[in-house]
Amino acid sequence: MKIIIVGTAHPYRGGLTAFNERLANEYALQGHEVEIYTFTLQYPSFLFPGKTQFSDEKPNHNLKIHRRINSVNPLNWINVGKEIKAKKADKVIFCYWMAFFAPCFGTIARNCRAENTQCFALIHNMIPHEPTILDKLFPKYFVGAMDGFLAMTKSVVDDINQFDRKEKPKRVSPHPVYDQYGEPMPRNEALQELDLDTHFRYILFFGFIRKYKGLDLLLRAFSDIRLRQYPVKLIVAGEFYESKEPYLEIIRSYALEESVILHSDFIPDEKVQLYFNSADIVAQTYHSATQSGVSQIAYNFEKPMLVTNVGGLSETIPDGKVGYVVSTHVSAIADALVDFFENNRLEQFTENVRLEKQKYEWSKMVEALDSL
């Protein structure tokens, strides 16, 4: 088939770029012709909370990526749609994550159909973690242009149903394992690369930091006096997309300065493996969520996880088997961390992660998209 994926890709950075490129690569590995259409302008700079939208790394693939889409220019959307139509694709897959892009993607979809073209939406978030008025105004226009939908959790399907009145086909396929960041490696080797003390155990909080990610919950749980009896530290690895000061205040108020390691720059792809291979457990103490790419990086590196029971996080983390699913109460998070270190759960959970991750292959996501 001829597949066109519409969404963020190199030279843009981040988890969604990694997802789209890995999906495109899976289609290519299966023998399909695949291209990605990405942005010349993704976000106007005043809407982007980080330091930069762009990666200075060279891509580690040979995918055909076209930078064509201006997210704020309606005439551009029509022209891009016509350019895609001329290629007579079998499927155009729109990788959707926020309402800001609904007018752009919806217009491209309405203009890109050749005789046999079908348009499908791969939805990361239908309603974002931090909703705005746009989430009531725009999504219906995008949803109306699609022939079917794939989500990665049941909760996202529920959100899609708020906008789809025609009961178009929908599938759920869990977020596949991010396997493009490298392989498991010896823990001490990774720690030495990061210049971290090999005599300590490490909890990892990974990814950009916003309020809904719940770093505040993890810091308060980590202050639990019971954890001080273990040689354990917390690594926070990721760029702050909001003020750092509230988190620094929690660290100061609980005297955690010597126990929390802040690496608050964007983590480039080649260093992702170092952080995950250094960790004993990966913590995602979100206030709200749909699914998480962080879980699927942890699966790749065979690391136990702690997640809060929000959104669809628990759908891929069997509680007590590969880690913990707990409430958003600080005491519940602390209890799980104490249990992990006190009862030496690392080996048991790691073996279970190794078995469980086989469920999350990229070929299964392609199967689900094809079933639409």
Protein backbone atom coordinates (compact mmCIF):
# COMPACT_ATOMS: atom_id res chain seq x y z
CA MET A 1 0.00 0.00 0.00
CA LYS A 2 0.90 3.65 -0.22
CA ILE A 3 0.75 5.16 3.27
CA ILE A 4 1.04 8.84 4.15
CA ILE A 5 1.41 9.85 7.80
CA VAL A 6 0.55 13.42 8.74
CA GLY A 7 2.10 14.68 11.98
CA THR A 8 5.23 15.87 13.67
CA ALA A 9 8.57 14.44 12.52
CA HIS A 10 12.23 15.42 12.18
CA PRO A 11 13.53 18.14 12.59
CA TYR A 12 10.97 18.50 15.39
CA ARG A 13 11.83 16.71 18.60
CA GLY A 14 9.98 14.79 21.30
CA GLY A 15 7.94 11.67 21.92
CA LEU A 16 5.38 12.26 19.17
CA THR A 17 8.14 12.59 16.59
CA ALA A 18 9.65 9.33 17.84
CA PHE A 19 6.24 7.66 17.62
CA ASN A 20 5.43 8.79 14.08
CA GLU A 21 8.83 7.88 12.73
CA ARG A 22 8.76 4.45 14.36
CA LEU A 23 5.27 3.80 12.96
CA ALA A 24 6.44 4.84 9.49
CA ASN A 25 9.45 2.58 9.82
CA GLU A 26 7.22 -0.37 10.73
CA TYR A 27 5.13 0.16 7.60
CA ALA A 28 8.34 0.36 5.55
CA LEU A 29 9.67 -2.86 7.12
CA GLN A 30 6.45 -4.56 6.06
CA GLY A 31 7.08 -3.55 2.44
CA HIS A 32 4.70 -0.59 2.10
CA GLU A 33 5.56 2.73 0.51
CA VAL A 34 5.41 5.33 3.29
CA GLU A 35 5.94 9.09 3.52
CA ILE A 36 5.50 11.60 6.35
CA TYR A 37 4.12 15.10 5.94
CA THR A 38 5.25 17.37 8.74
CA PHE A 39 5.41 21.06 9.54
CA THR A 40 7.25 24.11 8.34
CA LEU A 41 5.55 25.83 11.28
CA GLN A 42 4.25 23.58 14.06
CA TYR A 43 3.55 25.94 16.96
CA PRO A 44 3.87 29.71 16.89
CA SER A 45 6.72 30.38 19.32
CA PHE A 46 4.45 32.07 21.88
CA LEU A 47 2.45 28.84 22.23
CA PHE A 48 5.46 26.59 22.82
CA PRO A 49 6.46 26.29 26.50
CA GLY A 50 9.90 24.69 26.05
CA LYS A 51 13.27 26.05 24.99
CA THR A 52 13.11 24.89 21.37
CA GLN A 53 10.87 22.80 19.15
CA PHE A 54 13.77 21.51 17.09
CA SER A 55 16.31 18.72 17.40
CA ASP A 56 19.92 19.23 16.40
CA GLU A 57 20.43 15.45 16.14
CA LYS A 58 20.70 13.68 12.82
CA PRO A 59 17.83 11.25 12.16
CA ASN A 60 18.72 7.58 12.50
CA HIS A 61 16.52 6.52 9.57
CA ASN A 62 16.04 7.09 5.85
CA LEU A 63 12.34 7.93 5.91
CA LYS A 64 10.88 10.25 3.28
CA ILE A 65 9.79 13.34 5.25
CA HIS A 66 8.22 16.38 3.58
CA ARG A 67 8.13 19.67 5.48
CA ARG A 68 5.02 21.29 4.01
CA ILE A 69 2.43 22.13 6.67
CA ASN A 70 1.97 25.61 8.15
CA SER A 71 -0.34 25.10 11.14
CA VAL A 72 -1.84 28.63 10.95
CA ASN A 73 -2.28 29.14 7.19
CA PRO A 74 -5.59 27.82 5.78
CA LEU A 75 -4.50 28.30 2.16
CA ASN A 76 -1.49 26.09 2.90
CA TRP A 77 -3.77 23.37 4.30
CA ILE A 78 -5.74 23.23 1.05
CA ASN A 79 -2.57 23.10 -1.04
CA VAL A 80 -1.04 20.35 1.09
CA GLY A 81 -4.25 18.36 0.80
CA LYS A 82 -4.14 18.63 -2.99
CA GLU A 83 -0.46 17.63 -3.05
CA ILE A 84 -1.27 14.50 -1.05
CA LYS A 85 -4.29 13.76 -3.25
CA ALA A 86 -2.04 13.71 -6.32
CA LYS A 87 -0.07 10.86 -4.74
CA LYS A 88 -3.20 8.65 -4.63
CA ALA A 89 -2.45 7.17 -1.21
CA ASP A 90 -4.38 4.16 0.05
CA LYS A 91 -4.31 5.50 3.62
CA VAL A 92 -3.62 8.88 5.12
CA ILE A 93 -3.04 8.56 8.87
CA PHE A 94 -3.39 11.74 10.93
CA CYS A 95 -1.49 11.59 14.22
CA TYR A 96 -3.59 13.87 16.40
CA TRP A 97 -2.84 15.13 19.90
CA MET A 98 -4.48 18.52 20.49
CA ALA A 99 -7.34 20.70 19.26
CA PHE A 100 -5.02 23.42 17.93
CA PHE A 101 -4.34 21.15 14.94
CA ALA A 102 -7.96 20.14 14.28
CA PRO A 103 -8.69 22.85 11.66
CA CYS A 104 -5.39 22.18 9.88
CA PHE A 105 -5.70 18.38 9.83
CA GLY A 106 -9.44 18.48 9.10
CA THR A 107 -8.91 20.70 6.05
CA ILE A 108 -6.01 18.62 4.71
CA ALA A 109 -8.19 15.51 5.07
CA ARG A 110 -11.07 17.09 3.15
CA ASN A 111 -8.74 17.91 0.26
CA CYS A 112 -6.45 14.85 0.13
CA ARG A 113 -8.80 12.11 -1.00
CA ALA A 114 -8.13 10.41 -4.29
CA GLU A 115 -10.56 7.76 -5.55
CA ASN A 116 -9.60 5.03 -3.06
CA THR A 117 -8.02 7.09 -0.26
CA GLN A 118 -9.17 6.54 3.30
CA CYS A 119 -8.35 8.92 6.18
CA PHE A 120 -7.77 7.53 9.66
CA ALA A 121 -7.01 9.27 12.93
CA LEU A 122 -4.45 7.88 15.34
CA ILE A 123 -5.44 9.71 18.51
CA HIS A 124 -2.95 10.30 21.32
CA ASN A 125 -5.23 12.71 23.21
CA MET A 126 -8.71 13.71 22.08
CA ILE A 127 -9.11 15.97 25.09
CA PRO A 128 -5.75 17.15 26.45
CA HIS A 129 -4.55 17.11 30.05
CA GLU A 130 -4.90 20.88 30.24
CA PRO A 131 -8.13 21.67 28.32
CA THR A 132 -8.91 25.04 26.73
CA ILE A 133 -11.91 26.52 24.93
CA LEU A 134 -10.44 25.15 21.68
CA ASP A 135 -11.28 21.63 22.86
CA LYS A 136 -14.97 22.44 22.59
CA LEU A 137 -14.79 24.35 19.31
CA PHE A 138 -12.43 22.47 16.97
CA PRO A 139 -12.32 18.65 17.39
CA LYS A 140 -15.69 17.94 15.77
CA TYR A 141 -14.42 19.44 12.49
CA PHE A 142 -11.45 17.06 12.50
CA VAL A 143 -13.45 14.02 13.62
CA GLY A 144 -15.98 14.62 10.83
CA ALA A 145 -13.27 14.24 8.17
CA MET A 146 -12.09 10.80 9.36
CA ASP A 147 -13.17 7.31 8.24
CA GLY A 148 -12.09 5.63 11.48
CA PHE A 149 -10.08 6.00 14.64
CA LEU A 150 -7.34 4.19 16.54
CA ALA A 151 -6.68 5.01 20.20
CA MET A 152 -4.22 3.52 22.64
CA THR A 153 -6.53 3.33 25.66
CA LYS A 154 -10.25 2.80 26.20
CA SER A 155 -10.55 6.17 27.92
CA VAL A 156 -9.50 7.95 24.71
CA VAL A 157 -12.19 6.07 22.75
CA ASP A 158 -14.71 7.46 25.24
CA ASP A 159 -13.40 10.95 24.50
CA ILE A 160 -13.67 10.40 20.73
CA ASN A 161 -17.28 9.32 21.13
CA GLN A 162 -18.12 12.77 22.49
CA PHE A 163 -17.46 14.17 19.01
CA ASP A 164 -18.34 11.27 16.69
CA ARG A 165 -22.09 10.97 16.23
CA LYS A 166 -21.88 8.56 13.27
CA GLU A 167 -20.34 5.66 15.17
CA LYS A 168 -17.40 5.27 12.80
CA PRO A 169 -15.12 2.28 13.39
CA LYS A 170 -12.77 2.56 16.37
CA ARG A 171 -10.02 0.29 17.62
CA VAL A 172 -7.83 0.21 20.72
CA SER A 173 -4.22 -0.87 20.34
CA PRO A 174 -1.84 -0.22 23.25
CA HIS A 175 1.13 2.09 22.77
CA PRO A 176 3.94 -0.09 21.37
CA VAL A 177 7.35 -0.38 22.98
CA TYR A 178 9.78 2.38 22.05
CA ASP A 179 12.59 0.14 20.86
CA GLN A 180 14.59 2.74 18.93
CA TYR A 181 16.55 4.08 21.91
CA GLY A 182 18.90 1.14 22.31
CA GLU A 183 19.11 -2.06 24.31
CA PRO A 184 19.35 -2.87 28.03
CA MET A 185 22.92 -2.41 29.25
CA PRO A 186 24.74 -2.99 32.56
CA ARG A 187 23.41 -0.63 35.22
CA ASN A 188 26.81 0.41 36.56
CA GLU A 189 28.03 1.22 33.07
CA ALA A 190 25.08 3.58 32.52
CA LEU A 191 25.58 5.19 35.94
CA GLN A 192 29.24 5.84 35.22
CA GLU A 193 28.34 7.47 31.89
CA LEU A 194 26.05 9.85 33.80
CA ASP A 195 28.64 10.36 36.55
CA LEU A 196 26.31 8.92 39.21
CA ASP A 197 27.33 6.98 42.32
CA THR A 198 26.98 3.23 41.72
CA HIS A 199 26.40 2.59 45.45
CA PHE A 200 22.91 4.13 45.33
CA ARG A 201 19.60 2.82 43.95
CA TYR A 202 17.65 5.16 41.69
CA ILE A 203 14.05 6.12 41.02
CA LEU A 204 13.60 7.79 37.62
CA PHE A 205 11.09 10.50 36.71
CA PHE A 206 11.52 11.06 32.96
CA GLY A 207 10.11 13.50 30.42
CA PHE A 208 9.11 17.12 30.18
CA ILE A 209 7.58 18.55 33.34
CA ARG A 210 4.11 20.07 33.54
CA LYS A 211 1.64 20.18 36.37
CA TYR A 212 -0.39 17.17 35.22
CA LYS A 213 2.74 14.96 35.29
CA GLY A 214 2.63 14.92 39.11
CA LEU A 215 6.27 15.48 39.99
CA ASP A 216 4.99 17.28 43.09
CA LEU A 217 3.36 14.04 44.28
CA LEU A 218 6.54 12.05 43.73
CA LEU A 219 8.75 14.57 45.55
CA ARG A 220 6.45 14.56 48.59
CA ALA A 221 6.28 10.76 48.58
CA PHE A 222 10.05 10.56 48.25
CA SER A 223 10.39 12.64 51.43
CA ASP A 224 8.86 9.77 53.44
CA ILE A 225 11.15 9.06 56.40
CA ARG A 226 11.04 5.32 55.70
CA LEU A 227 12.89 5.80 52.39
CA ARG A 228 15.77 7.55 54.11
CA GLN A 229 17.00 4.21 55.51
CA TYR A 230 17.88 3.04 51.99
CA PRO A 231 20.68 4.31 49.76
CA VAL A 232 18.17 5.62 47.21
CA LYS A 233 18.06 8.81 45.12
CA LEU A 234 15.54 10.31 42.72
CA ILE A 235 16.60 11.33 39.20
CA VAL A 236 14.39 13.95 37.53
CA ALA A 237 15.39 13.96 33.86
CA GLY A 238 13.53 16.34 31.58
CA GLU A 239 12.90 19.92 30.59
CA PHE A 240 10.59 22.12 32.67
CA TYR A 241 7.64 23.37 30.61
CA GLU A 242 6.58 25.59 33.50
CA SER A 243 8.23 27.34 36.44
CA LYS A 244 10.80 25.20 38.23
CA GLU A 245 10.42 27.13 41.49
CA PRO A 246 7.44 25.25 43.05
CA TYR A 247 9.37 21.99 42.72
CA LEU A 248 12.56 23.48 44.11
CA GLU A 249 10.53 24.75 47.06
CA ILE A 250 9.30 21.21 47.81
CA ILE A 251 12.89 19.94 47.62
CA ARG A 252 14.05 22.65 50.03
CA SER A 253 11.16 22.25 52.44
CA TYR A 254 11.84 18.51 52.85
CA ALA A 255 15.65 18.90 52.79
CA LEU A 256 15.98 16.68 49.71
CA GLU A 257 18.81 18.61 48.07
CA GLU A 258 21.27 15.71 48.45
CA SER A 259 18.78 13.06 47.37
CA VAL A 260 17.20 14.58 44.24
CA ILE A 261 19.26 14.83 41.05
CA LEU A 262 17.87 17.40 38.60
CA HIS A 263 18.90 17.04 34.95
CA SER A 264 16.49 19.65 33.64
CA ASP A 265 17.54 19.97 30.00
CA PHE A 266 15.88 18.17 27.13
CA ILE A 267 17.29 14.62 27.03
CA PRO A 268 18.62 13.80 23.55
CA ASP A 269 17.83 10.42 22.04
CA GLU A 270 21.33 9.02 22.49
CA LYS A 271 21.16 9.57 26.27
CA VAL A 272 17.72 8.09 26.87
CA GLN A 273 19.19 4.62 27.32
CA LEU A 274 21.60 5.89 29.99
CA TYR A 275 18.81 7.20 32.21
CA PHE A 276 16.59 4.14 31.91
CA ASN A 277 19.42 1.67 32.32
CA SER A 278 20.49 3.54 35.46
CA ALA A 279 17.06 3.26 37.08
CA ASP A 280 15.78 0.59 39.42
CA ILE A 281 12.16 1.75 38.99
CA VAL A 282 10.46 4.33 36.75
CA ALA A 283 7.81 6.50 38.44
CA GLN A 284 4.89 8.18 36.66
CA THR A 285 2.85 9.84 39.37
CA TYR A 286 0.48 11.68 37.03
CA HIS A 287 -2.52 13.70 38.17
CA SER A 288 -4.18 12.90 34.82
CA ALA A 289 -3.19 10.86 31.78
CA THR A 290 -4.29 9.00 28.66
CA GLN A 291 -1.38 6.68 27.91
CA SER A 292 2.34 7.17 28.32
CA GLY A 293 5.31 6.75 26.02
CA VAL A 294 7.50 6.70 29.13
CA SER A 295 5.98 3.36 30.12
CA GLN A 296 6.90 1.95 26.73
CA ILE A 297 10.50 3.15 27.00
CA ALA A 298 10.62 1.49 30.43
CA TYR A 299 9.30 -1.73 28.91
CA ASN A 300 12.04 -1.61 26.27
CA PHE A 301 14.73 -1.37 28.95
CA GLU A 302 12.92 -3.94 31.15
CA LYS A 303 12.39 -1.62 34.10
CA PRO A 304 9.71 -1.95 36.80
CA MET A 305 7.21 0.90 36.95
CA LEU A 306 5.07 2.80 39.41
CA VAL A 307 2.06 4.57 37.92
CA THR A 308 -0.95 6.33 39.36
CA ASN A 309 -4.39 4.95 38.55
CA VAL A 310 -5.47 7.72 36.18
CA GLY A 311 -6.56 7.64 32.54
CA GLY A 312 -5.30 4.57 30.74
CA LEU A 313 -1.97 4.14 32.56
CA SER A 314 -3.12 1.06 34.45
CA GLU A 315 -4.21 -0.70 31.23
CA THR A 316 -0.60 -1.65 30.42
CA ILE A 317 0.87 -1.99 33.94
CA PRO A 318 -0.37 -5.14 35.74
CA ASP A 319 -0.31 -4.19 39.42
CA GLY A 320 1.99 -6.33 41.54
CA LYS A 321 3.43 -8.00 38.45
CA VAL A 322 5.56 -5.44 36.60
CA GLY A 323 5.26 -2.73 39.24
CA TYR A 324 2.58 -0.78 41.05
CA VAL A 325 -0.69 0.95 40.21
CA VAL A 326 -1.55 3.27 43.09
CA SER A 327 -3.86 6.18 43.87
CA THR A 328 -2.69 9.77 43.63
CA HIS A 329 -2.37 9.96 47.43
CA VAL A 330 1.20 10.70 48.49
CA SER A 331 1.04 7.99 51.16
CA ALA A 332 0.10 5.32 48.58
CA ILE A 333 3.03 6.30 46.35
CA ALA A 334 5.40 6.22 49.33
CA ASP A 335 4.08 2.82 50.48
CA ALA A 336 4.77 1.32 47.04
CA LEU A 337 8.31 2.70 46.90
CA VAL A 338 9.04 1.40 50.41
CA ASP A 339 7.69 -2.04 49.44
CA PHE A 340 9.88 -2.08 46.32
CA PHE A 341 13.13 -1.43 48.17
CA GLU A 342 12.30 -3.21 51.44
CA ASN A 343 11.21 -6.44 49.78
CA ASN A 344 13.75 -6.42 46.95
CA ARG A 345 11.16 -6.61 44.18
CA LEU A 346 13.60 -5.64 41.41
CA GLU A 347 14.47 -9.09 40.10
CA GLN A 348 10.91 -10.42 40.24
CA PHE A 349 9.38 -7.39 38.52
CA THR A 350 12.14 -7.20 35.90
CA GLU A 351 11.53 -10.78 34.78
CA ASN A 352 7.80 -10.07 34.50
CA VAL A 353 8.45 -6.89 32.49
CA ARG A 354 10.61 -8.92 30.10
CA LEU A 355 7.66 -11.24 29.43
CA GLU A 356 4.93 -8.58 29.40
CA LYS A 357 6.63 -6.32 26.87
CA GLN A 358 6.12 -8.92 24.13
CA LYS A 359 2.48 -7.77 23.95
CA TYR A 360 3.45 -4.34 22.68
CA GLU A 361 4.93 -4.87 19.24
CA TRP A 362 4.62 -2.26 16.47
CA SER A 363 3.28 -4.90 14.08
CA LYS A 364 0.19 -5.16 16.28
CA MET A 365 -0.51 -1.44 15.94
CA VAL A 366 -0.21 -1.72 12.15
CA GLU A 367 -2.63 -4.67 12.28
CA ALA A 368 -5.11 -2.57 14.24
CA LEU A 369 -4.83 0.34 11.79
CA ASP A 370 -5.29 -2.04 8.87
CA SER A 371 -8.38 -3.54 10.51
CA LEU A 372 -10.12 -0.15 10.24
